[in-house]
Amino acid sequence: MAATMAEIRQGLVDNLSAISGVQWSPYLLASPTPPSGHVIPSEIAYDRAMHRGMDEVTMTVQAFVALGLDQAAQMKLDELLAPSGATSVKAAIEADRTLGGKVQDAWVSAVTGYTLVTIPDRGQMLSADWSVTVRT
Protein backbone atom coordinates (compact mmCIF):
# COMPACT_ATOMS: atom_id res chain seq x y z
CA MET A 1 0.00 0.00 0.00
CA ALA A 2 1.88 3.06 -1.23
CA ALA A 3 -0.21 6.15 -0.67
CA THR A 4 0.88 9.35 -2.36
CA MET A 5 1.53 12.48 -0.34
CA ALA A 6 -1.61 14.00 -1.89
CA GLU A 7 -3.69 11.01 -0.74
CA ILE A 8 -2.32 11.26 2.80
CA ARG A 9 -3.00 15.01 2.96
CA GLN A 10 -6.52 14.60 1.59
CA GLY A 11 -7.26 11.65 3.88
CA LEU A 12 -6.32 13.70 6.93
CA VAL A 13 -8.44 16.64 5.76
CA ASP A 14 -11.38 14.32 5.03
CA ASN A 15 -11.18 13.06 8.63
CA LEU A 16 -10.74 16.58 10.04
CA SER A 17 -13.79 17.84 8.16
CA ALA A 18 -15.89 16.19 10.89
CA ILE A 19 -14.95 19.13 13.14
CA SER A 20 -17.67 21.70 12.58
CA GLY A 21 -16.76 25.34 12.05
CA VAL A 22 -13.10 24.87 11.09
CA GLN A 23 -11.83 25.12 7.51
CA TRP A 24 -9.10 22.58 6.71
CA SER A 25 -6.69 22.60 3.76
CA PRO A 26 -4.54 19.71 2.60
CA TYR A 27 -1.89 22.28 1.63
CA LEU A 28 -0.07 25.09 3.43
CA LEU A 29 -2.17 28.23 3.77
CA ALA A 30 -0.18 31.42 3.17
CA SER A 31 -2.81 33.57 4.84
CA PRO A 32 -5.17 31.43 6.97
CA THR A 33 -8.56 32.77 8.02
CA PRO A 34 -9.25 31.38 11.50
CA PRO A 35 -10.50 29.03 12.65
CA SER A 36 -8.63 27.02 10.07
CA GLY A 37 -5.81 24.58 9.63
CA HIS A 38 -3.54 22.90 7.14
CA VAL A 39 -1.49 19.75 6.68
CA ILE A 40 2.24 19.83 5.99
CA PRO A 41 4.83 17.03 5.73
CA SER A 42 7.41 16.94 8.52
CA GLU A 43 9.52 13.83 8.05
CA ILE A 44 9.59 10.66 5.98
CA ALA A 45 11.39 7.52 7.13
CA TYR A 46 11.75 5.35 4.05
CA ASP A 47 11.96 1.56 3.86
CA ARG A 48 10.72 0.64 7.34
CA ALA A 49 10.00 -2.83 5.95
CA MET A 50 12.03 -4.80 3.45
CA HIS A 51 11.70 -4.26 -0.29
CA ARG A 52 9.91 -0.88 0.01
CA GLY A 53 7.29 -2.56 2.20
CA MET A 54 6.47 0.50 4.27
CA ASP A 55 7.37 4.13 4.81
CA GLU A 56 6.61 6.04 7.99
CA VAL A 57 5.48 9.59 7.29
CA THR A 58 5.14 12.26 9.97
CA MET A 59 2.69 14.99 9.06
CA THR A 60 2.02 18.20 10.97
CA VAL A 61 -1.56 19.37 11.30
CA GLN A 62 -1.49 23.03 12.29
CA ALA A 63 -4.61 24.87 13.45
CA PHE A 64 -5.16 28.60 13.90
CA VAL A 65 -7.70 30.50 15.98
CA ALA A 66 -8.26 34.24 16.06
CA LEU A 67 -6.73 36.10 18.98
CA GLY A 68 -9.30 38.94 18.99
CA LEU A 69 -10.66 37.91 22.37
CA ASP A 70 -7.93 36.26 24.43
CA GLN A 71 -10.13 33.95 26.45
CA ALA A 72 -12.41 32.91 23.56
CA ALA A 73 -9.39 31.98 21.42
CA GLN A 74 -7.98 29.82 24.20
CA MET A 75 -11.33 28.14 24.74
CA LYS A 76 -11.61 27.31 21.02
CA LEU A 77 -8.06 25.93 20.91
CA ASP A 78 -8.73 23.91 24.09
CA GLU A 79 -11.61 22.22 22.25
CA LEU A 80 -9.29 21.23 19.41
CA LEU A 81 -6.59 20.02 21.85
CA ALA A 82 -8.98 17.69 23.71
CA PRO A 83 -8.09 13.99 23.42
CA SER A 84 -11.68 13.05 22.55
CA GLY A 85 -15.00 14.54 21.58
CA ALA A 86 -16.63 16.14 18.54
CA THR A 87 -14.10 18.99 18.34
CA SER A 88 -10.97 16.94 19.05
CA VAL A 89 -8.35 16.93 16.28
CA LYS A 90 -6.96 13.65 17.66
CA ALA A 91 -10.37 11.96 17.66
CA ALA A 92 -11.22 13.22 14.16
CA ILE A 93 -7.96 12.00 12.65
CA GLU A 94 -8.16 8.62 14.37
CA ALA A 95 -11.83 8.05 13.43
CA ASP A 96 -10.56 6.36 10.24
CA ARG A 97 -6.98 5.31 10.86
CA THR A 98 -6.62 4.00 7.28
CA LEU A 99 -7.49 7.42 5.79
CA GLY A 100 -10.12 5.95 3.53
CA GLY A 101 -8.19 2.74 2.93
CA LYS A 102 -5.12 4.56 1.54
CA VAL A 103 -2.67 3.77 4.40
CA GLN A 104 -1.97 0.99 6.88
CA ASP A 105 -2.38 3.15 9.98
CA ALA A 106 -2.46 6.76 11.14
CA TRP A 107 -2.46 8.16 14.66
CA VAL A 108 -1.78 11.38 16.52
CA SER A 109 1.41 10.97 18.50
CA ALA A 110 1.77 14.44 20.06
CA VAL A 111 0.52 18.02 20.12
CA THR A 112 2.27 21.25 21.05
CA GLY A 113 0.80 23.72 23.45
CA TYR A 114 -0.24 27.17 22.35
CA THR A 115 1.99 29.12 20.02
CA LEU A 116 1.45 32.80 19.29
CA VAL A 117 2.01 33.41 15.57
CA THR A 118 1.89 36.54 13.45
CA ILE A 119 0.53 36.15 9.93
CA PRO A 120 1.20 39.02 7.50
CA ASP A 121 -2.01 40.95 6.76
CA ARG A 122 -3.89 38.81 9.33
CA GLY A 123 -2.25 39.78 12.62
CA GLN A 124 -1.69 37.56 15.63
CA MET A 125 -3.29 34.16 16.08
CA LEU A 126 -3.00 31.25 18.46
CA SER A 127 -1.80 28.01 16.93
CA ALA A 128 -1.12 24.40 17.86
CA ASP A 129 0.67 21.64 15.93
CA TRP A 130 -0.30 17.97 15.99
CA SER A 131 2.22 15.30 14.93
CA VAL A 132 0.52 12.57 12.96
CA THR A 133 2.36 9.35 12.21
CA VAL A 134 1.24 7.57 9.05
CA ARG A 135 2.39 4.10 7.98
CA THR A 136 1.96 3.58 4.26
C-alpha atoms as a PDB file:
ATOM      1  CA  MET A   1       0.000   0.000   0.000  1.00  0.00           C
ATOM      2  CA  ALA A   2       1.880   3.060  -1.227  1.00  0.00           C
ATOM      3  CA  ALA A   3      -0.214   6.148  -0.674  1.00  0.00           C
ATOM      4  CA  THR A   4       0.881   9.348  -2.357  1.00  0.00           C
ATOM      5  CA  MET A   5       1.526  12.481  -0.335  1.00  0.00           C
ATOM      6  CA  ALA A   6      -1.612  14.000  -1.889  1.00  0.00           C
ATOM      7  CA  GLU A   7      -3.694  11.008  -0.740  1.00  0.00           C
ATOM      8  CA  ILE A   8      -2.320  11.258   2.801  1.00  0.00           C
ATOM      9  CA  ARG A   9      -2.995  15.006   2.961  1.00  0.00           C
ATOM     10  CA  GLN A  10      -6.518  14.599   1.589  1.00  0.00           C
ATOM     11  CA  GLY A  11      -7.258  11.648   3.875  1.00  0.00           C
ATOM     12  CA  LEU A  12      -6.319  13.703   6.928  1.00  0.00           C
ATOM     13  CA  VAL A  13      -8.444  16.641   5.765  1.00  0.00           C
ATOM     14  CA  ASP A  14     -11.379  14.321   5.030  1.00  0.00           C
ATOM     15  CA  ASN A  15     -11.184  13.064   8.627  1.00  0.00           C
ATOM     16  CA  LEU A  16     -10.736  16.581  10.041  1.00  0.00           C
ATOM     17  CA  SER A  17     -13.794  17.840   8.160  1.00  0.00           C
ATOM     18  CA  ALA A  18     -15.891  16.187  10.888  1.00  0.00           C
ATOM     19  CA  ILE A  19     -14.950  19.125  13.142  1.00  0.00           C
ATOM     20  CA  SER A  20     -17.673  21.700  12.584  1.00  0.00           C
ATOM     21  CA  GLY A  21     -16.763  25.339  12.051  1.00  0.00           C
ATOM     22  CA  VAL A  22     -13.098  24.865  11.087  1.00  0.00           C
ATOM     23  CA  GLN A  23     -11.828  25.118   7.508  1.00  0.00           C
ATOM     24  CA  TRP A  24      -9.097  22.583   6.705  1.00  0.00           C
ATOM     25  CA  SER A  25      -6.692  22.596   3.764  1.00  0.00           C
ATOM     26  CA  PRO A  26      -4.536  19.707   2.596  1.00  0.00           C
ATOM     27  CA  TYR A  27      -1.886  22.283   1.632  1.00  0.00           C
ATOM     28  CA  LEU A  28      -0.066  25.088   3.426  1.00  0.00           C
ATOM     29  CA  LEU A  29      -2.172  28.232   3.772  1.00  0.00           C
ATOM     30  CA  ALA A  30      -0.180  31.424   3.174  1.00  0.00           C
ATOM     31  CA  SER A  31      -2.815  33.566   4.839  1.00  0.00           C
ATOM     32  CA  PRO A  32      -5.170  31.434   6.974  1.00  0.00           C
ATOM     33  CA  THR A  33      -8.557  32.770   8.019  1.00  0.00           C
ATOM     34  CA  PRO A  34      -9.247  31.385  11.499  1.00  0.00           C
ATOM     35  CA  PRO A  35     -10.497  29.034  12.646  1.00  0.00           C
ATOM     36  CA  SER A  36      -8.629  27.020  10.069  1.00  0.00           C
ATOM     37  CA  GLY A  37      -5.815  24.579   9.625  1.00  0.00           C
ATOM     38  CA  HIS A  38      -3.540  22.903   7.136  1.00  0.00           C
ATOM     39  CA  VAL A  39      -1.495  19.750   6.677  1.00  0.00           C
ATOM     40  CA  ILE A  40       2.236  19.833   5.988  1.00  0.00           C
ATOM     41  CA  PRO A  41       4.828  17.033   5.728  1.00  0.00           C
ATOM     42  CA  SER A  42       7.411  16.942   8.516  1.00  0.00           C
ATOM     43  CA  GLU A  43       9.519  13.828   8.045  1.00  0.00           C
ATOM     44  CA  ILE A  44       9.588  10.662   5.982  1.00  0.00           C
ATOM     45  CA  ALA A  45      11.393   7.518   7.133  1.00  0.00           C
ATOM     46  CA  TYR A  46      11.747   5.346   4.049  1.00  0.00           C
ATOM     47  CA  ASP A  47      11.964   1.563   3.864  1.00  0.00           C
ATOM     48  CA  ARG A  48      10.720   0.637   7.342  1.00  0.00           C
ATOM     49  CA  ALA A  49      10.000  -2.831   5.950  1.00  0.00           C
ATOM     50  CA  MET A  50      12.033  -4.802   3.454  1.00  0.00           C
ATOM     51  CA  HIS A  51      11.698  -4.256  -0.292  1.00  0.00           C
ATOM     52  CA  ARG A  52       9.913  -0.881   0.014  1.00  0.00           C
ATOM     53  CA  GLY A  53       7.288  -2.561   2.199  1.00  0.00           C
ATOM     54  CA  MET A  54       6.465   0.501   4.269  1.00  0.00           C
ATOM     55  CA  ASP A  55       7.370   4.133   4.813  1.00  0.00           C
ATOM     56  CA  GLU A  56       6.608   6.038   7.991  1.00  0.00           C
ATOM     57  CA  VAL A  57       5.478   9.593   7.294  1.00  0.00           C
ATOM     58  CA  THR A  58       5.142  12.257   9.967  1.00  0.00           C
ATOM     59  CA  MET A  59       2.692  14.988   9.062  1.00  0.00           C
ATOM     60  CA  THR A  60       2.019  18.197  10.967  1.00  0.00           C
ATOM     61  CA  VAL A  61      -1.555  19.371  11.296  1.00  0.00           C
ATOM     62  CA  GLN A  62      -1.486  23.028  12.293  1.00  0.00           C
ATOM     63  CA  ALA A  63      -4.611  24.868  13.445  1.00  0.00           C
ATOM     64  CA  PHE A  64      -5.160  28.603  13.899  1.00  0.00           C
ATOM     65  CA  VAL A  65      -7.702  30.496  15.984  1.00  0.00           C
ATOM     66  CA  ALA A  66      -8.262  34.242  16.058  1.00  0.00           C
ATOM     67  CA  LEU A  67      -6.730  36.101  18.976  1.00  0.00           C
ATOM     68  CA  GLY A  68      -9.301  38.937  18.991  1.00  0.00           C
ATOM     69  CA  LEU A  69     -10.665  37.907  22.374  1.00  0.00           C
ATOM     70  CA  ASP A  70      -7.927  36.261  24.428  1.00  0.00           C
ATOM     71  CA  GLN A  71     -10.134  33.947  26.453  1.00  0.00           C
ATOM     72  CA  ALA A  72     -12.406  32.911  23.561  1.00  0.00           C
ATOM     73  CA  ALA A  73      -9.390  31.981  21.424  1.00  0.00           C
ATOM     74  CA  GLN A  74      -7.982  29.824  24.203  1.00  0.00           C
ATOM     75  CA  MET A  75     -11.332  28.138  24.743  1.00  0.00           C
ATOM     76  CA  LYS A  76     -11.610  27.308  21.021  1.00  0.00           C
ATOM     77  CA  LEU A  77      -8.059  25.934  20.910  1.00  0.00           C
ATOM     78  CA  ASP A  78      -8.729  23.914  24.088  1.00  0.00           C
ATOM     79  CA  GLU A  79     -11.611  22.215  22.255  1.00  0.00           C
ATOM     80  CA  LEU A  80      -9.288  21.227  19.409  1.00  0.00           C
ATOM     81  CA  LEU A  81      -6.591  20.023  21.846  1.00  0.00           C
ATOM     82  CA  ALA A  82      -8.984  17.689  23.706  1.00  0.00           C
ATOM     83  CA  PRO A  83      -8.086  13.987  23.417  1.00  0.00           C
ATOM     84  CA  SER A  84     -11.677  13.054  22.554  1.00  0.00           C
ATOM     85  CA  GLY A  85     -15.003  14.544  21.580  1.00  0.00           C
ATOM     86  CA  ALA A  86     -16.630  16.138  18.540  1.00  0.00           C
ATOM     87  CA  THR A  87     -14.099  18.989  18.335  1.00  0.00           C
ATOM     88  CA  SER A  88     -10.969  16.942  19.048  1.00  0.00           C
ATOM     89  CA  VAL A  89      -8.351  16.932  16.277  1.00  0.00           C
ATOM     90  CA  LYS A  90      -6.965  13.655  17.656  1.00  0.00           C
ATOM     91  CA  ALA A  91     -10.374  11.957  17.657  1.00  0.00           C
ATOM     92  CA  ALA A  92     -11.222  13.222  14.164  1.00  0.00           C
ATOM     93  CA  ILE A  93      -7.960  11.997  12.647  1.00  0.00           C
ATOM     94  CA  GLU A  94      -8.158   8.618  14.370  1.00  0.00           C
ATOM     95  CA  ALA A  95     -11.826   8.049  13.427  1.00  0.00           C
ATOM     96  CA  ASP A  96     -10.558   6.359  10.243  1.00  0.00           C
ATOM     97  CA  ARG A  97      -6.978   5.307  10.863  1.00  0.00           C
ATOM     98  CA  THR A  98      -6.616   4.003   7.282  1.00  0.00           C
ATOM     99  CA  LEU A  99      -7.494   7.419   5.795  1.00  0.00           C
ATOM    100  CA  GLY A 100     -10.120   5.951   3.528  1.00  0.00           C
ATOM    101  CA  GLY A 101      -8.187   2.743   2.927  1.00  0.00           C
ATOM    102  CA  LYS A 102      -5.123   4.561   1.544  1.00  0.00           C
ATOM    103  CA  VAL A 103      -2.668   3.775   4.397  1.00  0.00           C
ATOM    104  CA  GLN A 104      -1.972   0.986   6.882  1.00  0.00           C
ATOM    105  CA  ASP A 105      -2.375   3.146   9.984  1.00  0.00           C
ATOM    106  CA  ALA A 106      -2.457   6.765  11.145  1.00  0.00           C
ATOM    107  CA  TRP A 107      -2.459   8.159  14.664  1.00  0.00           C
ATOM    108  CA  VAL A 108      -1.782  11.383  16.520  1.00  0.00           C
ATOM    109  CA  SER A 109       1.413  10.967  18.500  1.00  0.00           C
ATOM    110  CA  ALA A 110       1.768  14.442  20.062  1.00  0.00           C
ATOM    111  CA  VAL A 111       0.524  18.020  20.121  1.00  0.00           C
ATOM    112  CA  THR A 112       2.266  21.247  21.048  1.00  0.00           C
ATOM    113  CA  GLY A 113       0.801  23.717  23.453  1.00  0.00           C
ATOM    114  CA  TYR A 114      -0.242  27.167  22.354  1.00  0.00           C
ATOM    115  CA  THR A 115       1.990  29.118  20.018  1.00  0.00           C
ATOM    116  CA  LEU A 116       1.455  32.796  19.293  1.00  0.00           C
ATOM    117  CA  VAL A 117       2.007  33.406  15.572  1.00  0.00           C
ATOM    118  CA  THR A 118       1.893  36.539  13.447  1.00  0.00           C
ATOM    119  CA  ILE A 119       0.530  36.154   9.934  1.00  0.00           C
ATOM    120  CA  PRO A 120       1.198  39.021   7.497  1.00  0.00           C
ATOM    121  CA  ASP A 121      -2.006  40.948   6.765  1.00  0.00           C
ATOM    122  CA  ARG A 122      -3.891  38.813   9.333  1.00  0.00           C
ATOM    123  CA  GLY A 123      -2.251  39.781  12.616  1.00  0.00           C
ATOM    124  CA  GLN A 124      -1.686  37.561  15.633  1.00  0.00           C
ATOM    125  CA  MET A 125      -3.291  34.156  16.076  1.00  0.00           C
ATOM    126  CA  LEU A 126      -3.002  31.246  18.461  1.00  0.00           C
ATOM    127  CA  SER A 127      -1.803  28.014  16.930  1.00  0.00           C
ATOM    128  CA  ALA A 128      -1.119  24.403  17.857  1.00  0.00           C
ATOM    129  CA  ASP A 129       0.670  21.640  15.932  1.00  0.00           C
ATOM    130  CA  TRP A 130      -0.298  17.971  15.987  1.00  0.00           C
ATOM    131  CA  SER A 131       2.218  15.302  14.932  1.00  0.00           C
ATOM    132  CA  VAL A 132       0.518  12.571  12.956  1.00  0.00           C
ATOM    133  CA  THR A 133       2.365   9.352  12.208  1.00  0.00           C
ATOM    134  CA  VAL A 134       1.243   7.567   9.049  1.00  0.00           C
ATOM    135  CA  ARG A 135       2.388   4.097   7.975  1.00  0.00           C
ATOM    136  CA  THR A 136       1.962   3.583   4.261  1.00  0.00           C
END
